[in-house]
Amino acid sequence: MALFRPDPSFYPSPRLAMQAPPERWAYVAGLHVGDGRPDVLSVVDVDPRSPTYSRIVHRLELPYVGDELHHFGWNACSSALCPNAPHPHLERRYLVVPGLRSSRIYVVDTKPDPARPEIVKVIEPQEVAQRAGYTRLHTVHCGPDAIYVSALGSTRDGEGPGGIFLLDHLTFEVLGPWELDRGDQVLAYDFWWHIAHDVMVTSEWATPRMYENGLNLDDVVNKRFGHRLHFWDLRRRRKLETVDLGAEYQMVLELRPAHDPAKTYGFVGVVVNVNDLSSSIWVWHRDGGRWQATKV
């Protein structure tokens, strides 16, 4: 009988991951805008003992122009050890790389030669739109039951709602949208979770129409960008609660949960307060059974 063992690079907590051996290679997105050349995925040697330390040792040129690579991630990670949906047979091997402007996804295999990764699958924007109803792909996280990808727009030509869709862990097939009940959530940006508590957290930025041709100062002054955090039932895919930071706090972006997976707090950055042009960092937390956000 075959024995399935988790990938040794999966760790029960970020604290243990930080104590593990360091990475040998870093994969870095490089953009070409307006020059007719495709984006590249560069491989950087990050081993201090190596003669090519800190240098780009390989460039993987993408086959299309205008993707605008954004936040990419692994096909599998520690979230795949989630007790209610374990996947001990997965390995952290493939980079799932989305294009923010093209809505195209590249699946890049790093296993045969980590210093020279290869594209093994391209998921075209038409497939994402038809099966999930989303465009303008933003962030990738390995999840407990699939690969989660956030999107900033729908198929309604630059409008919302944005949200999250799922890819199969093994085949990378687009499985469909994640949300079953989104309530009044329209704007989207980042997402993370507290897996031990079945909680998803999402943040807000804008619809593609509001940023693709450059930010419009009128949208900022009139407070049309996102200023809320949304809290979801991760397993049931339903929005439970929204925390409004205040309309003056525009563009609620990157989410970073606590390093201790047993804790239910985390941090989010806000780009600008339109009253005084300051940026800010907030902590979300539970208070008496309700979600709260406090500027810290």
Protein backbone atom coordinates (compact mmCIF):
# COMPACT_ATOMS: atom_id res chain seq x y z
CA MET A 1 0.00 0.00 0.00
CA ALA A 2 1.34 3.43 -0.94
CA LEU A 3 2.28 5.69 1.94
CA PHE A 4 1.32 9.34 1.50
CA ARG A 5 3.49 11.81 3.35
CA PRO A 6 3.05 15.58 3.32
CA ASP A 7 5.51 17.72 1.38
CA PRO A 8 8.37 18.48 3.82
CA SER A 9 8.04 22.20 3.03
CA PHE A 10 4.55 22.27 4.59
CA TYR A 11 4.63 23.60 8.16
CA PRO A 12 1.92 23.84 10.83
CA SER A 13 2.66 27.51 11.45
CA PRO A 14 4.62 30.44 9.96
CA ARG A 15 6.85 30.37 13.03
CA LEU A 16 8.04 26.86 12.20
CA ALA A 17 8.42 27.80 8.53
CA MET A 18 10.73 30.67 9.52
CA GLN A 19 12.93 28.19 11.40
CA ALA A 20 13.25 25.93 8.35
CA PRO A 21 16.12 25.96 5.83
CA PRO A 22 16.01 29.05 3.60
CA GLU A 23 14.92 29.02 -0.01
CA ARG A 24 17.55 28.42 -2.70
CA TRP A 25 15.80 30.38 -5.47
CA ALA A 26 13.50 33.39 -5.65
CA TYR A 27 11.02 33.83 -8.49
CA VAL A 28 10.43 37.48 -9.41
CA ALA A 29 7.93 39.03 -11.83
CA GLY A 30 9.32 41.51 -14.35
CA LEU A 31 6.93 43.74 -16.31
CA HIS A 32 7.20 45.20 -19.79
CA VAL A 33 4.65 47.96 -20.33
CA GLY A 34 4.10 49.58 -23.70
CA ASP A 35 7.28 48.32 -25.36
CA GLY A 36 5.80 45.37 -27.22
CA ARG A 37 7.68 42.78 -25.17
CA PRO A 38 6.17 40.09 -22.92
CA ASP A 39 6.61 39.99 -19.16
CA VAL A 40 9.26 37.68 -17.69
CA LEU A 41 9.61 35.48 -14.64
CA SER A 42 13.17 35.86 -13.38
CA VAL A 43 15.01 33.33 -11.21
CA VAL A 44 17.30 34.90 -8.59
CA ASP A 45 19.97 32.92 -6.74
CA VAL A 46 19.44 33.62 -3.02
CA ASP A 47 21.98 31.15 -1.62
CA PRO A 48 24.79 33.17 0.07
CA ARG A 49 27.21 30.27 -0.53
CA SER A 50 26.66 30.30 -4.29
CA PRO A 51 29.04 32.01 -6.76
CA THR A 52 25.96 33.53 -8.49
CA TYR A 53 24.40 34.78 -5.24
CA SER A 54 22.02 37.74 -5.73
CA ARG A 55 22.11 37.46 -9.51
CA ILE A 56 19.41 36.66 -12.03
CA VAL A 57 20.38 33.23 -13.36
CA HIS A 58 17.45 32.65 -15.74
CA ARG A 59 14.61 34.57 -17.37
CA LEU A 60 11.43 32.78 -18.43
CA GLU A 61 9.87 34.94 -21.13
CA LEU A 62 6.08 34.56 -21.37
CA PRO A 63 4.46 33.84 -24.74
CA TYR A 64 2.04 36.81 -24.78
CA VAL A 65 2.39 40.58 -24.52
CA GLY A 66 0.46 42.65 -21.99
CA ASP A 67 -0.24 40.20 -19.16
CA GLU A 68 0.89 42.50 -16.32
CA LEU A 69 1.93 39.78 -13.87
CA HIS A 70 0.77 40.28 -10.32
CA HIS A 71 0.72 38.35 -7.04
CA PHE A 72 1.49 34.72 -7.78
CA GLY A 73 1.70 31.70 -5.49
CA TRP A 74 2.34 27.98 -5.15
CA ASN A 75 -0.11 25.28 -6.12
CA ALA A 76 0.24 23.72 -2.67
CA CYS A 77 1.31 24.91 0.76
CA SER A 78 0.69 24.40 4.46
CA SER A 79 -3.01 25.22 4.04
CA ALA A 80 -3.33 21.85 2.31
CA LEU A 81 -2.80 20.27 5.73
CA CYS A 82 -6.16 21.67 6.90
CA PRO A 83 -7.76 18.96 9.10
CA ASN A 84 -11.15 19.06 7.33
CA ALA A 85 -9.65 18.78 3.82
CA PRO A 86 -6.18 17.20 4.01
CA HIS A 87 -4.14 16.66 0.85
CA PRO A 88 -1.01 14.77 1.95
CA HIS A 89 -0.21 13.77 -1.64
CA LEU A 90 0.29 17.35 -2.89
CA GLU A 91 3.75 18.83 -3.35
CA ARG A 92 4.83 22.46 -3.60
CA ARG A 93 5.97 22.29 -7.19
CA TYR A 94 4.01 24.61 -9.49
CA LEU A 95 3.85 28.40 -9.53
CA VAL A 96 0.39 29.71 -10.43
CA VAL A 97 1.02 33.08 -12.08
CA PRO A 98 -1.92 35.36 -13.05
CA GLY A 99 -1.98 38.35 -15.35
CA LEU A 100 -3.83 41.30 -13.84
CA ARG A 101 -4.63 42.93 -17.19
CA SER A 102 -4.93 39.86 -19.41
CA SER A 103 -6.79 37.60 -16.93
CA ARG A 104 -4.56 34.75 -18.17
CA ILE A 105 -2.95 32.20 -15.80
CA TYR A 106 0.39 30.46 -16.33
CA VAL A 107 1.21 27.23 -14.51
CA VAL A 108 5.00 27.00 -14.16
CA ASP A 109 6.76 23.79 -13.16
CA THR A 110 9.82 24.27 -10.92
CA LYS A 111 10.58 20.62 -10.18
CA PRO A 112 12.71 19.33 -13.09
CA ASP A 113 15.17 22.21 -12.66
CA PRO A 114 14.23 24.90 -10.08
CA ALA A 115 16.69 27.32 -11.70
CA ARG A 116 15.03 26.94 -15.12
CA PRO A 117 11.25 26.60 -14.59
CA GLU A 118 8.99 25.84 -17.54
CA ILE A 119 5.41 26.76 -18.48
CA VAL A 120 3.36 23.56 -18.54
CA LYS A 121 -0.17 24.96 -18.83
CA VAL A 122 -1.83 28.21 -19.87
CA ILE A 123 -5.37 28.93 -18.66
CA GLU A 124 -6.88 31.42 -21.08
CA PRO A 125 -9.07 34.31 -19.89
CA GLN A 126 -12.04 32.92 -21.80
CA GLU A 127 -12.03 29.79 -19.63
CA VAL A 128 -11.88 31.84 -16.42
CA ALA A 129 -14.71 34.09 -17.61
CA GLN A 130 -16.94 31.25 -18.78
CA ARG A 131 -16.48 28.97 -15.78
CA ALA A 132 -16.06 31.53 -12.98
CA GLY A 133 -17.45 34.82 -14.29
CA TYR A 134 -14.37 36.83 -13.28
CA THR A 135 -11.64 38.91 -14.92
CA ARG A 136 -8.52 40.91 -13.83
CA LEU A 137 -6.82 38.29 -11.68
CA HIS A 138 -4.93 39.47 -8.64
CA THR A 139 -3.79 37.07 -5.86
CA VAL A 140 -3.19 33.31 -5.60
CA HIS A 141 -3.26 31.27 -2.38
CA CYS A 142 -3.18 27.52 -1.93
CA GLY A 143 -6.29 26.60 0.05
CA PRO A 144 -7.53 23.63 2.03
CA ASP A 145 -9.70 22.28 -0.81
CA ALA A 146 -8.44 24.03 -3.97
CA ILE A 147 -6.26 26.85 -5.28
CA TYR A 148 -7.95 30.18 -4.56
CA VAL A 149 -7.57 33.11 -6.97
CA SER A 150 -8.96 36.59 -6.40
CA ALA A 151 -10.26 38.77 -9.23
CA LEU A 152 -11.02 42.49 -9.31
CA GLY A 153 -13.70 42.44 -12.00
CA SER A 154 -16.53 40.48 -13.53
CA THR A 155 -17.27 39.85 -17.21
CA ARG A 156 -19.32 43.09 -17.29
CA ASP A 157 -16.62 45.11 -19.10
CA GLY A 158 -14.64 46.62 -16.25
CA GLU A 159 -17.35 46.50 -13.62
CA GLY A 160 -17.82 44.37 -10.49
CA PRO A 161 -18.43 42.40 -8.56
CA GLY A 162 -14.93 41.11 -8.02
CA GLY A 163 -14.39 38.01 -5.94
CA ILE A 164 -12.69 34.63 -5.70
CA PHE A 165 -12.69 31.51 -7.84
CA LEU A 166 -11.18 28.05 -7.47
CA LEU A 167 -8.70 25.92 -9.43
CA ASP A 168 -8.31 22.19 -8.97
CA HIS A 169 -5.14 21.36 -7.00
CA LEU A 170 -3.99 18.71 -9.49
CA THR A 171 -5.45 19.50 -12.93
CA PHE A 172 -5.64 23.32 -12.58
CA GLU A 173 -9.13 23.18 -14.08
CA VAL A 174 -11.25 26.26 -13.30
CA LEU A 175 -13.87 24.92 -10.88
CA GLY A 176 -16.03 28.02 -10.63
CA PRO A 177 -16.70 30.98 -8.31
CA TRP A 178 -16.09 30.51 -4.60
CA GLU A 179 -18.90 32.67 -3.17
CA LEU A 180 -22.35 31.21 -2.57
CA ASP A 181 -23.71 34.30 -0.83
CA ARG A 182 -21.70 37.53 -1.16
CA GLY A 183 -24.35 39.88 0.20
CA ASP A 184 -23.49 43.49 -0.70
CA GLN A 185 -19.81 42.87 -1.43
CA VAL A 186 -18.85 44.32 -4.85
CA LEU A 187 -15.27 45.63 -4.61
CA ALA A 188 -12.44 43.13 -4.13
CA TYR A 189 -8.68 43.01 -3.63
CA ASP A 190 -6.82 40.69 -1.25
CA PHE A 191 -7.97 37.70 0.81
CA TRP A 192 -6.66 35.52 3.61
CA TRP A 193 -8.10 33.26 6.28
CA HIS A 194 -8.06 31.86 9.78
CA ILE A 195 -8.39 28.21 8.79
CA ALA A 196 -8.67 26.88 12.35
CA HIS A 197 -11.74 29.09 12.81
CA ASP A 198 -13.29 28.65 9.32
CA VAL A 199 -12.95 32.40 8.67
CA MET A 200 -12.13 34.12 5.37
CA VAL A 201 -11.19 37.83 5.33
CA THR A 202 -11.36 39.95 2.15
CA SER A 203 -10.45 43.56 1.42
CA GLU A 204 -11.51 46.18 -1.15
CA TRP A 205 -9.86 48.32 -3.81
CA ALA A 206 -11.76 49.16 -7.01
CA THR A 207 -13.33 47.91 -10.21
CA PRO A 208 -11.03 47.68 -13.27
CA ARG A 209 -12.71 50.72 -14.82
CA MET A 210 -11.42 52.81 -11.90
CA TYR A 211 -7.71 52.02 -12.30
CA GLU A 212 -6.81 50.56 -15.70
CA ASN A 213 -6.37 53.96 -17.36
CA GLY A 214 -4.82 55.55 -14.27
CA LEU A 215 -6.48 56.68 -11.07
CA ASN A 216 -9.02 59.47 -11.36
CA LEU A 217 -8.64 62.05 -8.61
CA ASP A 218 -12.40 62.58 -8.66
CA ASP A 219 -12.91 58.96 -7.58
CA VAL A 220 -10.58 59.51 -4.63
CA VAL A 221 -12.08 62.82 -3.54
CA ASN A 222 -15.60 61.42 -3.77
CA LYS A 223 -14.61 58.30 -1.82
CA ARG A 224 -15.55 55.70 -4.41
CA PHE A 225 -12.76 53.24 -3.54
CA GLY A 226 -13.03 50.42 -1.04
CA HIS A 227 -13.03 51.13 2.70
CA ARG A 228 -14.37 47.88 4.19
CA LEU A 229 -13.28 44.47 5.42
CA HIS A 230 -15.51 41.45 4.87
CA PHE A 231 -15.62 38.34 7.07
CA TRP A 232 -16.88 35.07 5.64
CA ASP A 233 -17.76 31.55 6.68
CA LEU A 234 -14.87 29.83 4.88
CA ARG A 235 -16.50 26.41 4.65
CA ARG A 236 -20.01 27.59 3.76
CA ARG A 237 -18.78 30.39 1.46
CA ARG A 238 -21.12 33.01 2.87
CA LYS A 239 -20.39 36.56 3.98
CA LEU A 240 -21.22 36.95 7.65
CA GLU A 241 -20.11 40.44 8.62
CA THR A 242 -18.63 43.66 7.25
CA VAL A 243 -16.49 46.20 9.10
CA ASP A 244 -16.45 49.70 7.59
CA LEU A 245 -13.24 51.59 8.41
CA GLY A 246 -14.87 54.86 7.37
CA ALA A 247 -15.33 56.30 3.88
CA GLU A 248 -12.35 58.64 4.34
CA TYR A 249 -10.04 55.58 4.48
CA GLN A 250 -9.69 54.76 0.79
CA MET A 251 -8.20 51.55 -0.69
CA VAL A 252 -8.08 48.80 1.95
CA LEU A 253 -5.43 46.52 0.47
CA GLU A 254 -2.97 43.86 1.71
CA LEU A 255 -4.05 41.45 4.45
CA ARG A 256 -1.60 39.68 6.79
CA PRO A 257 -2.99 37.31 9.45
CA ALA A 258 -1.26 36.58 12.74
CA HIS A 259 1.72 34.20 12.55
CA ASP A 260 0.02 32.01 15.17
CA PRO A 261 -2.76 30.14 13.28
CA ALA A 262 -4.74 29.76 16.51
CA LYS A 263 -5.18 33.54 16.80
CA THR A 264 -7.98 35.51 15.13
CA TYR A 265 -6.34 38.82 14.36
CA GLY A 266 -4.31 40.30 11.55
CA PHE A 267 -3.19 43.50 9.86
CA VAL A 268 -4.34 45.44 6.81
CA GLY A 269 -2.85 48.48 5.09
CA VAL A 270 -4.92 51.47 3.95
CA VAL A 271 -3.48 53.65 1.18
CA VAL A 272 -4.88 57.08 2.00
CA ASN A 273 -7.07 59.08 4.34
CA VAL A 274 -8.56 61.72 2.05
CA ASN A 275 -8.84 64.18 4.95
CA ASP A 276 -5.09 64.40 5.69
CA LEU A 277 -3.41 62.22 2.99
CA SER A 278 -2.01 59.82 5.61
CA SER A 279 -1.63 56.07 5.21
CA SER A 280 -2.49 53.70 8.04
CA ILE A 281 -2.29 50.14 9.36
CA TRP A 282 -5.25 48.52 11.10
CA VAL A 283 -5.63 45.35 13.13
CA TRP A 284 -8.77 43.28 12.78
CA HIS A 285 -9.85 41.25 15.80
CA ARG A 286 -12.84 39.76 17.55
CA ASP A 287 -14.50 41.68 20.36
CA GLY A 288 -17.39 40.06 22.17
CA GLY A 289 -18.14 37.76 19.27
CA ARG A 290 -18.16 40.59 16.71
CA TRP A 291 -15.41 41.60 14.29
CA GLN A 292 -13.74 44.94 14.85
CA ALA A 293 -10.92 46.91 13.20
CA THR A 294 -8.66 49.30 15.11
CA LYS A 295 -6.14 51.71 13.61
CA VAL A 296 -2.75 50.99 15.15
